[in-house]
Amino acid sequence: MESLDDLANDVAALERRVADAIFDTVRAQLRSDESDGAKELERQLSKVRRSLQKAEQLLRRTEGD
């Protein structure tokens, strides 16, 4: 069985991938005249990223209990 710390590491890695996707989206916004869709995608990805950060923190706190 995986430890909670291992799960937290997996979540952190996923969060970094989402962060990369956000940066790619922002870059696309800067290059495109039609950036409305990219802005919405950036907002959604930012929410996902924050949720993953919270999940990682909760998993790490639980591991220490």
C-alpha atoms as a PDB file:
ATOM      1  CA  MET A   1       0.000   0.000   0.000  1.00  0.00           C
ATOM      2  CA  GLU A   2       1.218   3.481  -0.859  1.00  0.00           C
ATOM      3  CA  SER A   3       1.999   5.831   1.989  1.00  0.00           C
ATOM      4  CA  LEU A   4       0.260   9.173   2.235  1.00  0.00           C
ATOM      5  CA  ASP A   5       3.611  10.840   1.606  1.00  0.00           C
ATOM      6  CA  ASP A   6       3.921   8.939  -1.695  1.00  0.00           C
ATOM      7  CA  LEU A   7       0.429  10.090  -2.655  1.00  0.00           C
ATOM      8  CA  ALA A   8       1.320  13.661  -1.702  1.00  0.00           C
ATOM      9  CA  ASN A   9       4.386  13.433  -3.956  1.00  0.00           C
ATOM     10  CA  ASP A  10       2.211  12.206  -6.832  1.00  0.00           C
ATOM     11  CA  VAL A  11      -0.224  15.076  -6.283  1.00  0.00           C
ATOM     12  CA  ALA A  12       2.693  17.545  -6.204  1.00  0.00           C
ATOM     13  CA  ALA A  13       3.977  16.180  -9.517  1.00  0.00           C
ATOM     14  CA  LEU A  14       0.528  16.534 -11.036  1.00  0.00           C
ATOM     15  CA  GLU A  15       0.303  20.099  -9.719  1.00  0.00           C
ATOM     16  CA  ARG A  16       3.591  20.920 -11.472  1.00  0.00           C
ATOM     17  CA  ARG A  17       2.184  19.537 -14.736  1.00  0.00           C
ATOM     18  CA  VAL A  18      -0.906  21.722 -14.343  1.00  0.00           C
ATOM     19  CA  ALA A  19       1.332  24.722 -13.632  1.00  0.00           C
ATOM     20  CA  ASP A  20       3.191  24.033 -16.883  1.00  0.00           C
ATOM     21  CA  ALA A  21      -0.139  23.892 -18.723  1.00  0.00           C
ATOM     22  CA  ILE A  22      -1.067  27.271 -17.221  1.00  0.00           C
ATOM     23  CA  PHE A  23       2.157  28.816 -18.476  1.00  0.00           C
ATOM     24  CA  ASP A  24       1.590  27.316 -21.930  1.00  0.00           C
ATOM     25  CA  THR A  25      -1.925  28.772 -21.935  1.00  0.00           C
ATOM     26  CA  VAL A  26      -0.661  32.216 -20.944  1.00  0.00           C
ATOM     27  CA  ARG A  27       1.951  32.058 -23.707  1.00  0.00           C
ATOM     28  CA  ALA A  28      -0.775  31.165 -26.201  1.00  0.00           C
ATOM     29  CA  GLN A  29      -2.840  34.121 -24.967  1.00  0.00           C
ATOM     30  CA  LEU A  30       0.013  36.479 -25.630  1.00  0.00           C
ATOM     31  CA  ARG A  31       0.396  35.172 -29.186  1.00  0.00           C
ATOM     32  CA  SER A  32      -3.293  35.075 -30.075  1.00  0.00           C
ATOM     33  CA  ASP A  33      -5.805  37.791 -30.854  1.00  0.00           C
ATOM     34  CA  GLU A  34      -8.653  35.506 -29.805  1.00  0.00           C
ATOM     35  CA  SER A  35      -7.657  34.769 -26.252  1.00  0.00           C
ATOM     36  CA  ASP A  36     -11.083  34.511 -24.576  1.00  0.00           C
ATOM     37  CA  GLY A  37     -11.034  30.710 -24.580  1.00  0.00           C
ATOM     38  CA  ALA A  38      -7.468  30.652 -23.307  1.00  0.00           C
ATOM     39  CA  LYS A  39      -8.357  33.001 -20.453  1.00  0.00           C
ATOM     40  CA  GLU A  40     -11.171  30.723 -19.322  1.00  0.00           C
ATOM     41  CA  LEU A  41      -8.898  27.684 -19.575  1.00  0.00           C
ATOM     42  CA  GLU A  42      -6.291  29.507 -17.507  1.00  0.00           C
ATOM     43  CA  ARG A  43      -8.905  30.239 -14.813  1.00  0.00           C
ATOM     44  CA  GLN A  44     -10.002  26.612 -14.727  1.00  0.00           C
ATOM     45  CA  LEU A  45      -6.445  25.300 -14.591  1.00  0.00           C
ATOM     46  CA  SER A  46      -5.628  27.746 -11.805  1.00  0.00           C
ATOM     47  CA  LYS A  47      -8.532  26.388  -9.765  1.00  0.00           C
ATOM     48  CA  VAL A  48      -7.322  22.844 -10.382  1.00  0.00           C
ATOM     49  CA  ARG A  49      -3.814  23.826  -9.326  1.00  0.00           C
ATOM     50  CA  ARG A  50      -5.024  25.404  -6.075  1.00  0.00           C
ATOM     51  CA  SER A  51      -7.086  22.312  -5.304  1.00  0.00           C
ATOM     52  CA  LEU A  52      -4.089  20.061  -5.897  1.00  0.00           C
ATOM     53  CA  GLN A  53      -1.941  22.233  -3.641  1.00  0.00           C
ATOM     54  CA  LYS A  54      -4.556  21.948  -0.886  1.00  0.00           C
ATOM     55  CA  ALA A  55      -4.781  18.180  -1.365  1.00  0.00           C
ATOM     56  CA  GLU A  56      -1.010  17.836  -1.100  1.00  0.00           C
ATOM     57  CA  GLN A  57      -0.948  19.884   2.100  1.00  0.00           C
ATOM     58  CA  LEU A  58      -3.740  17.819   3.630  1.00  0.00           C
ATOM     59  CA  LEU A  59      -1.987  14.555   2.754  1.00  0.00           C
ATOM     60  CA  ARG A  60       1.271  15.752   4.276  1.00  0.00           C
ATOM     61  CA  ARG A  61      -0.484  16.895   7.478  1.00  0.00           C
ATOM     62  CA  THR A  62      -2.228  13.550   7.767  1.00  0.00           C
ATOM     63  CA  GLU A  63       1.059  11.687   7.386  1.00  0.00           C
ATOM     64  CA  GLY A  64       2.520  13.533  10.375  1.00  0.00           C
ATOM     65  CA  ASP A  65      -0.418  12.714  12.675  1.00  0.00           C
END
